Protein backbone atom coordinates (compact mmCIF):
# COMPACT_ATOMS: atom_id res chain seq x y z
CA UNK A 1 85.93 116.12 74.05
CA UNK A 2 88.30 113.12 73.50
CA UNK A 3 89.37 113.56 69.82
CA UNK A 4 92.32 115.76 71.25
CA UNK A 5 93.99 113.20 73.21
CA UNK A 6 95.31 111.18 70.04
CA UNK A 7 98.59 113.73 70.62
CA UNK A 8 99.10 112.23 74.42
CA UNK A 9 100.28 108.73 72.38
CA UNK A 10 104.20 109.07 71.44
CA UNK A 11 105.21 105.78 70.18
CA UNK A 12 108.74 104.84 70.06
CA UNK A 13 109.38 105.34 66.32
CA UNK A 14 108.18 109.04 66.26
CA UNK A 15 111.10 111.64 64.99
CA UNK A 16 110.90 113.65 67.94
CA UNK A 17 109.73 111.37 70.62
CA UNK A 18 113.20 112.58 72.72
CA UNK A 19 112.00 115.93 73.33
CA UNK A 20 108.29 114.69 73.22
CA UNK A 21 109.59 112.85 76.60
CA UNK A 22 111.17 115.55 77.47
CA UNK A 23 108.18 117.22 77.34
CA UNK A 24 106.45 114.67 79.80
CA UNK A 25 109.13 115.06 81.86
CA UNK A 26 109.00 119.08 82.26
CA UNK A 27 105.15 118.53 82.57
CA UNK A 28 105.24 116.91 85.61
CA UNK A 29 107.94 118.87 87.47
CA UNK A 30 106.31 120.47 90.63
CA UNK A 31 109.09 123.05 90.33
CA UNK A 32 106.73 124.05 86.61
CA UNK A 33 103.72 124.23 88.82
CA UNK A 34 105.27 126.44 91.40
CA UNK A 35 106.86 128.81 88.93
CA UNK A 36 104.94 132.17 89.56
CA UNK A 37 106.47 135.57 89.26
CA UNK A 38 107.62 138.20 91.27
CA UNK A 39 103.99 139.91 91.72
CA UNK A 40 103.10 136.42 93.61
CA UNK A 41 105.67 135.95 95.22
CA UNK A 42 105.41 139.18 97.37
CA UNK A 43 101.52 138.88 97.02
CA UNK A 44 102.74 135.43 99.21
CA UNK A 45 105.23 136.87 101.47
CA UNK A 46 102.75 139.86 102.57
CA UNK A 47 100.32 137.68 103.24
CA UNK A 48 102.98 135.88 105.62
CA UNK A 49 103.79 138.91 107.03
CA UNK A 50 100.32 140.81 107.58
CA UNK A 51 99.72 137.58 109.71
CA UNK A 52 103.11 137.83 111.78
CA UNK A 53 102.56 141.66 112.66
CA UNK A 54 98.77 141.59 112.81
CA UNK A 55 97.81 137.84 113.85
CA UNK A 56 94.09 137.49 114.20
CA UNK A 57 92.96 140.36 112.39
CA UNK A 58 94.80 139.26 109.03
CA UNK A 59 93.53 135.94 108.70
CA UNK A 60 90.38 137.51 109.50
CA UNK A 61 90.84 140.24 106.62
CA UNK A 62 91.66 137.45 104.15
CA UNK A 63 89.51 134.56 104.26
CA UNK A 64 87.17 137.71 103.86
CA UNK A 65 89.19 138.36 100.24
CA UNK A 66 89.81 134.43 99.51
CA UNK A 67 86.60 132.44 100.61
CA UNK A 68 84.30 135.23 100.44
CA UNK A 69 83.55 134.03 104.41
CA UNK A 70 83.56 136.68 106.82
CA UNK A 71 84.50 135.23 110.41
CA UNK A 72 85.00 137.02 113.43
CA UNK A 73 88.53 135.58 115.27
CA UNK A 74 86.03 133.71 118.09
CA UNK A 75 84.71 132.08 114.89
CA UNK A 76 87.96 130.65 113.60
CA UNK A 77 87.64 127.82 115.60
CA UNK A 78 84.63 124.93 115.03
CA UNK A 79 82.87 124.04 118.16
CA UNK A 80 82.66 120.77 120.26
CA UNK A 81 79.05 120.78 119.19
CA UNK A 82 79.59 121.07 115.34
CA UNK A 83 82.00 118.53 115.94
CA UNK A 84 79.63 116.07 117.46
CA UNK A 85 76.55 116.77 115.57
CA UNK A 86 78.55 116.08 112.45
CA UNK A 87 79.70 112.90 113.69
CA UNK A 88 76.07 112.07 114.63
CA UNK A 89 74.49 112.79 111.03
CA UNK A 90 77.46 111.46 109.07
CA UNK A 91 75.94 108.41 107.10
CA UNK A 92 76.41 105.24 109.26
CA UNK A 93 77.85 103.22 106.30
CA UNK A 94 80.32 106.11 105.63
CA UNK A 95 81.30 105.97 109.44
CA UNK A 96 81.54 102.36 109.31
CA UNK A 97 83.95 102.67 106.48
CA UNK A 98 85.81 105.10 107.52
CA UNK A 99 86.24 104.01 110.96
CA UNK A 100 87.91 100.37 108.88
CA UNK A 101 90.06 103.11 107.19
CA UNK A 102 91.23 104.47 109.82
CA UNK A 103 92.29 101.08 111.86
CA UNK A 104 93.99 99.87 108.67
CA UNK A 105 96.08 102.88 108.83
CA UNK A 106 96.79 102.59 112.41
CA UNK A 107 98.19 98.83 112.34
CA UNK A 108 99.98 99.49 109.55
CA UNK A 109 101.78 102.67 111.14
CA UNK A 110 102.38 101.02 114.84
CA UNK A 111 104.32 97.73 112.75
CA UNK A 112 106.63 100.53 110.92
CA UNK A 113 107.03 102.90 113.56
CA UNK A 114 110.53 103.24 115.03
CA UNK A 115 109.91 105.21 118.15
CA UNK A 116 109.42 102.30 120.27
CA UNK A 117 113.03 100.71 119.26
CA UNK A 118 115.18 101.16 122.31
CA UNK A 119 119.24 101.66 121.80
CA UNK A 120 121.51 103.76 124.75
CA UNK A 121 122.91 105.90 121.79
CA UNK A 122 119.66 107.33 121.33
CA UNK A 123 116.31 109.13 122.45
CA UNK A 124 113.07 109.42 120.05
CA UNK A 125 110.35 112.05 121.35
CA UNK A 126 107.13 113.10 119.47
CA UNK A 127 106.84 116.24 118.22
CA UNK A 128 104.50 118.39 120.35
CA UNK A 129 102.29 120.37 118.24
CA UNK A 130 101.80 119.57 114.79
CA UNK A 131 99.43 121.40 111.82
CA UNK A 132 97.59 119.27 108.97
CA UNK A 133 95.87 121.30 106.19
CA UNK A 134 93.10 119.95 104.61
CA UNK A 135 92.11 121.16 101.73
CA UNK A 136 88.08 122.15 100.94
CA UNK A 137 87.78 123.42 97.75
CA UNK A 138 86.53 121.08 95.22
CA UNK A 139 85.56 118.34 97.05
CA UNK A 140 85.79 116.94 101.14
CA UNK A 141 89.02 114.95 101.34
CA UNK A 142 88.28 112.89 104.74
CA UNK A 143 91.02 110.18 103.79
CA UNK A 144 93.81 113.37 104.16
CA UNK A 145 93.28 114.17 107.99
CA UNK A 146 93.28 109.81 108.37
CA UNK A 147 96.58 109.63 106.58
CA UNK A 148 98.11 112.28 108.25
CA UNK A 149 96.42 112.69 111.62
CA UNK A 150 96.56 108.85 112.47
CA UNK A 151 100.48 108.91 111.50
CA UNK A 152 100.92 111.28 113.96
CA UNK A 153 98.82 109.86 116.70
CA UNK A 154 100.60 106.54 116.36
CA UNK A 155 103.90 108.08 116.75
CA UNK A 156 102.48 110.21 120.23
CA UNK A 157 102.05 113.83 119.29
CA UNK A 158 100.09 115.70 121.96
CA UNK A 159 98.33 118.26 119.55
CA UNK A 160 97.05 117.84 116.41
CA UNK A 161 95.46 121.02 114.82
CA UNK A 162 93.16 120.66 111.32
CA UNK A 163 92.81 123.50 109.22
CA UNK A 164 90.22 123.72 106.52
CA UNK A 165 89.06 126.16 104.27
CA UNK A 166 85.43 127.26 104.84
CA UNK A 167 84.38 126.49 101.50
CA UNK A 168 80.87 124.58 102.71
CA UNK A 169 78.48 127.12 103.72
CA UNK A 170 80.79 129.30 105.73
CA UNK A 171 82.15 126.39 107.44
CA UNK A 172 84.29 122.79 107.03
CA UNK A 173 82.36 119.75 105.06
CA UNK A 174 80.62 117.83 107.85
CA UNK A 175 82.12 114.13 106.95
CA UNK A 176 85.88 116.19 107.15
CA UNK A 177 84.31 117.37 111.28
CA UNK A 178 83.04 113.70 111.52
CA UNK A 179 85.92 112.26 111.00
CA UNK A 180 88.11 115.03 113.44
CA UNK A 181 85.68 113.72 116.01
CA UNK A 182 85.91 109.69 115.13
CA UNK A 183 89.65 110.46 115.49
CA UNK A 184 89.19 113.10 119.34
CA UNK A 185 90.43 115.82 117.12
CA UNK A 186 88.82 119.28 118.71
CA UNK A 187 91.24 121.78 117.63
CA UNK A 188 90.00 122.45 114.09
CA UNK A 189 89.78 125.97 112.43
CA UNK A 190 88.17 126.99 109.48
CA UNK A 191 90.52 128.55 107.48
CA UNK A 192 92.83 128.04 104.76
CA UNK A 193 95.31 129.40 102.72
CA UNK A 194 98.55 130.78 103.06
CA UNK A 195 96.84 132.67 106.03
CA UNK A 196 96.24 129.45 107.41
CA UNK A 197 99.99 128.56 106.77
CA UNK A 198 101.33 131.63 108.72
CA UNK A 199 98.96 131.17 111.24
CA UNK A 200 100.09 127.67 112.22
CA UNK A 201 103.80 128.92 112.00
CA UNK A 202 103.26 132.52 113.97
CA UNK A 203 100.82 131.67 115.98
CA UNK A 204 97.65 134.39 116.83
CA UNK A 205 95.96 135.75 119.14
CA UNK A 206 93.76 132.36 119.07
CA UNK A 207 95.44 129.73 117.00
CA UNK A 208 98.66 128.88 119.12
CA UNK A 209 101.89 127.83 116.82
CA UNK A 210 102.79 124.54 116.09
CA UNK A 211 106.39 123.09 115.70
CA UNK A 212 105.25 120.70 111.88
CA UNK A 213 103.12 121.66 109.19
CA UNK A 214 102.02 118.77 107.18
CA UNK A 215 99.55 118.11 104.31
CA UNK A 216 98.20 118.80 100.64
CA UNK A 217 97.00 122.11 99.18
CA UNK A 218 97.38 124.55 96.21
CA UNK A 219 100.30 125.82 95.60
CA UNK A 220 99.56 128.83 97.55
CA UNK A 221 99.48 126.58 100.86
CA UNK A 222 102.79 124.75 99.72
CA UNK A 223 105.26 127.70 98.52
CA UNK A 224 103.78 129.04 102.01
CA UNK A 225 105.03 125.75 103.72
CA UNK A 226 108.52 126.50 102.02
CA UNK A 227 108.25 130.12 103.28
CA UNK A 228 108.09 129.19 106.75
CA UNK A 229 110.33 125.58 106.35
CA UNK A 230 112.92 126.84 109.36
CA UNK A 231 110.62 128.06 111.75
CA UNK A 232 108.82 125.07 111.31
CA UNK A 233 108.79 121.94 110.16
CA UNK A 234 106.94 120.57 107.09
CA UNK A 235 106.36 117.15 105.31
CA UNK A 236 107.58 118.28 101.44
CA UNK A 237 106.44 120.40 99.42
CA UNK A 238 103.78 118.71 96.88
CA UNK A 239 102.51 119.34 93.22
CA UNK A 240 99.50 117.68 91.85
CA UNK A 241 98.64 114.00 91.91
CA UNK A 242 100.54 111.78 89.72
CA UNK A 243 100.43 108.22 88.31
CA UNK A 244 103.20 106.31 86.35
CA UNK A 245 101.82 103.40 85.08
CA UNK A 246 104.02 100.36 83.64
CA UNK A 247 102.40 98.21 81.46
CA UNK A 248 102.89 95.49 78.95
CA UNK A 249 100.91 93.57 76.60
CA UNK A 250 99.82 91.04 79.50
CA UNK A 251 97.79 94.51 81.15
CA UNK A 252 94.29 95.28 80.48
CA UNK A 253 93.81 98.32 78.61
CA UNK A 254 90.30 99.19 80.19
CA UNK A 255 91.88 99.35 83.85
CA UNK A 256 94.90 100.69 82.75
CA UNK A 257 92.89 104.12 81.05
CA UNK A 258 90.66 104.01 84.31
CA UNK A 259 93.61 104.29 86.50
CA UNK A 260 95.12 107.17 84.25
CA UNK A 261 91.68 108.75 84.73
CA UNK A 262 91.22 108.15 88.26
CA UNK A 263 94.71 110.62 88.68
CA UNK A 264 93.59 113.10 86.20
CA UNK A 265 90.29 113.84 87.54
CA UNK A 266 91.98 115.90 90.08
CA UNK A 267 92.31 118.64 87.35
CA UNK A 268 95.09 119.46 88.21
CA UNK A 269 96.22 115.62 88.02
CA UNK A 270 99.03 113.98 85.76
CA UNK A 271 98.96 110.39 84.65
CA UNK A 272 101.49 108.45 82.61
CA UNK A 273 101.50 105.16 80.78
CA UNK A 274 105.15 103.79 79.91
CA UNK A 275 104.77 100.88 78.11
CA UNK A 276 106.51 98.07 75.73
CA UNK A 277 103.46 97.49 73.47
CA UNK A 278 102.14 99.41 70.76
CA UNK A 279 99.23 97.33 70.39
CA UNK A 280 98.12 98.42 73.86
CA UNK A 281 99.08 101.53 74.18
CA UNK A 282 96.57 102.22 71.65
CA UNK A 283 94.39 100.11 73.02
CA UNK A 284 94.75 102.31 76.48
CA UNK A 285 94.04 105.71 74.09
CA UNK A 286 90.74 103.66 72.95
CA UNK A 287 89.35 103.41 76.52
CA UNK A 288 90.45 106.79 77.34
CA UNK A 289 88.39 108.14 75.01
CA UNK A 290 85.59 106.05 75.83
CA UNK A 291 86.03 106.08 79.46
CA UNK A 292 86.65 110.00 79.93
CA UNK A 293 83.19 111.37 78.31
CA UNK A 294 81.14 109.39 81.00
CA UNK A 295 82.82 110.89 84.00
CA UNK A 296 81.44 114.02 86.39
CA UNK A 297 84.38 115.97 85.86
CA UNK A 298 84.67 115.18 82.25
CA UNK A 299 85.88 118.50 80.20
CA UNK A 300 88.44 118.75 83.55
CA UNK A 301 89.58 115.36 83.10
CA UNK A 302 89.90 115.44 79.45
CA UNK A 303 92.18 119.30 79.85
CA UNK A 304 94.22 117.39 82.52
CA UNK A 305 95.25 114.21 80.08
CA UNK A 306 96.44 116.51 77.55
CA UNK A 307 98.29 119.26 79.45
CA UNK A 308 99.98 116.46 81.74
CA UNK A 309 99.97 113.31 80.53
CA UNK A 310 100.96 110.87 77.85
CA UNK A 311 101.36 107.50 76.80
CA UNK A 312 104.90 106.82 75.75
CA UNK A 313 105.97 103.47 74.15
CA UNK A 314 109.68 102.19 74.36
CA UNK A 315 111.39 99.37 72.78
CA UNK A 316 111.77 97.20 75.60
CA UNK A 317 111.19 96.68 79.50
CA UNK A 318 114.33 97.82 80.62
CA UNK A 319 114.39 101.42 79.08
CA UNK A 320 110.79 101.56 80.75
CA UNK A 321 112.37 100.87 83.52
CA UNK A 322 115.37 103.37 83.55
CA UNK A 323 112.64 105.87 82.66
CA UNK A 324 110.37 105.19 85.10
CA UNK A 325 113.16 105.59 88.08
CA UNK A 326 114.43 108.87 86.28
CA UNK A 327 110.33 110.45 86.93
CA UNK A 328 110.35 109.11 90.24
CA UNK A 329 107.05 109.33 90.27
CA UNK A 330 104.66 110.08 93.23
CA UNK A 331 102.24 106.52 92.39
CA UNK A 332 103.40 104.10 90.40
CA UNK A 333 101.71 101.11 89.23
CA UNK A 334 102.84 97.80 87.53
CA UNK A 335 100.54 96.03 85.76
CA UNK A 336 102.70 93.29 84.06
CA UNK A 337 101.67 90.03 85.10
CA UNK A 338 103.57 87.69 86.30
CA UNK A 339 106.44 90.18 86.00
CA UNK A 340 105.24 92.76 87.85
CA UNK A 341 107.29 92.07 91.43
CA UNK A 342 110.35 91.40 89.34
CA UNK A 343 110.39 94.77 87.85
CA UNK A 344 108.92 95.96 91.50
CA UNK A 345 112.28 95.54 92.95
CA UNK A 346 114.27 97.37 89.90
CA UNK A 347 112.61 100.07 90.78
CA UNK A 348 114.51 102.73 92.96
CA UNK A 349 112.63 106.20 92.83
CA UNK A 350 108.74 106.01 93.82
CA UNK A 351 106.53 107.86 96.61
CA UNK A 352 104.34 104.50 96.32
CA UNK A 353 104.64 101.06 94.20
CA UNK A 354 101.09 99.55 93.46
CA UNK A 355 102.36 95.69 92.58
CA UNK A 356 99.85 94.05 90.20
CA UNK A 357 96.37 94.21 88.25
CA UNK A 358 94.57 94.23 91.63
CA UNK A 359 96.33 97.49 93.45
CA UNK A 360 95.05 100.44 91.72
CA UNK A 361 96.08 103.96 93.48
CA UNK A 362 92.58 104.09 95.01
CA UNK A 363 93.36 100.89 97.32
CA UNK A 364 96.04 103.06 98.92
CA UNK A 365 94.46 106.68 98.81
CA UNK A 366 92.12 105.25 101.16
CA UNK A 367 92.57 101.75 102.25
CA UNK A 368 95.61 100.17 102.78
CA UNK A 369 97.39 101.71 105.37
CA UNK A 370 100.32 103.52 104.08
CA UNK A 371 99.62 107.65 104.01
CA UNK A 372 98.78 108.55 100.87
CA UNK A 373 100.76 111.76 101.10
CA UNK A 374 103.68 111.15 98.75
CA UNK A 375 106.26 113.48 97.21
CA UNK A 376 105.16 114.43 93.91
CA UNK A 377 106.88 116.06 90.76
CA UNK A 378 110.14 113.26 90.51
CA UNK A 379 110.97 114.62 94.25
CA UNK A 380 110.71 110.70 95.30
CA UNK A 381 114.70 110.57 94.38
CA UNK A 382 114.71 113.05 98.25
CA UNK A 383 111.49 112.37 99.72
CA UNK A 384 109.48 109.28 100.98
CA UNK A 385 105.73 108.73 101.94
CA UNK A 386 104.85 110.41 105.14
CA UNK A 387 104.77 107.88 107.82
CA UNK A 388 104.24 107.62 111.95
CA UNK A 389 108.38 108.68 111.99
CA UNK A 390 107.98 111.69 110.44
CA UNK A 391 106.63 112.60 113.80
CA UNK A 392 109.28 111.79 116.07
CA UNK A 393 112.84 113.76 116.51
CA UNK A 394 115.66 111.89 117.69
CA UNK A 395 118.05 113.04 120.43
CA UNK A 396 121.73 111.53 120.57
CA UNK A 397 122.50 110.19 123.57
CA UNK A 398 126.43 110.21 124.39
CA UNK A 399 127.19 108.70 128.04
CA UNK A 400 131.06 107.69 128.86
CA UNK A 401 132.65 107.30 132.45
CA UNK A 402 135.93 108.08 133.81
CA UNK A 403 137.69 105.04 132.07
CA UNK A 404 136.09 105.32 129.19
CA UNK A 405 137.11 108.77 128.56
CA UNK A 406 140.45 108.14 129.51
CA UNK A 407 140.89 104.91 126.81
CA UNK A 408 140.23 107.45 124.05
CA UNK A 409 141.48 110.74 125.45
CA UNK A 410 144.71 111.20 123.60
CA UNK A 411 142.89 110.43 120.49
CA UNK A 412 140.18 112.92 121.05
CA UNK A 413 143.21 115.85 122.20
CA UNK A 414 144.96 114.68 118.69
CA UNK A 415 142.01 115.21 116.71
CA UNK A 416 140.95 118.76 118.36
CA UNK A 417 144.45 119.89 117.93
CA UNK A 418 144.27 119.01 114.43
CA UNK A 419 141.58 121.79 113.98
CA UNK A 420 142.69 124.19 116.45
CA UNK A 421 140.42 124.18 119.20
CA UNK A 422 142.76 124.53 121.96
CA UNK A 423 139.40 124.77 124.17
CA UNK A 424 138.15 121.52 123.19
CA UNK A 425 141.33 119.70 123.56
CA UNK A 426 141.70 121.14 127.27
CA UNK A 427 138.11 119.99 127.95
CA UNK A 428 139.40 116.68 128.03
CA UNK A 429 142.95 116.61 128.81
CA UNK A 430 141.52 118.79 132.16
CA UNK A 431 139.39 115.60 133.20
CA UNK A 432 142.74 113.47 132.80
CA UNK A 433 144.72 115.57 135.93
CA UNK A 434 145.34 113.27 138.78
């Protein structure tokens, strides 16, 4: 299975090195992941329009079609008893770990929250109602709820709504439900896909529309979010998970390989190594071959390595940093010994930076405090990690008295008249009459 991995190593001596590097660039761009034809685009828009017009009936129909689950509208919402049952029956050690992860995230998000700052010229207000998409196809992802709902709670969001597809025995995995209960989130719907995004955006007979939709999902979920943007806010349009590792000859090749595999196992997932050491590159490749066959998802992970991943050898670390900033990776690990922090200071574009040998992506995914909802596919050039600050909106405050307006009246009038807006000027002039 691992024999095909040789082709992911791209040494700088390779004649077509630049072409192969461009191929890697193209693979990780989310635009290529979401590049689907007119037929799929029409199908997506039909789902959204159907839910907008037929509401619960359309959600019911598409849940039956895509999830093979028959639900009546009064079965969309998970009952309080089911949430409580999941919380009582969850493994106590797991619940303890989940609780500590929640506290870590809450502490970090509280520390970075700007909404508590006071200034006479601005007012911060929490978004009232937020919808969170939680994937449920390949595995339960309780961490997604923690990394999205806790920042919203820190911001003061009053109403948090969870949607997740009914892929576990016609409902939602009990671990996800247990986390909802732990966070005191009581509005949970066993619906997913584009139909769930539409229900959150437009509302149905049983689901009240939200003001913002966040969270991961497959390309149908993400493109549905893109379509409803403007009617509601969204966090970003996220593609497959990715890691870019900057490493030199001080790095442990087994650890680098393990970190690459941790992203490739998402299937799809991208794992890239940038290094200035040919020796390290070859050792990491050998480790990938050894380790991939020992994984539970070995076949799919190996496919992701060959399709979306690469080991690229540069002439020096300066070229590595330049290309890393161009890549603008979701997760950026730096394993360069004592030079790691210095290199991190030179990184301008990344969703999250993991510094040193003992900071793998998994620490950020589950524990450290920053949200793991991050920009993918080179969009870290303009998107940021989700945080509590994404769940508030700011309102400008302007308050002048008579004397303050008089002091600047002529300047304002002059500017208004320069733009030909006579009524603007008169709204100032009328207040200057005695």
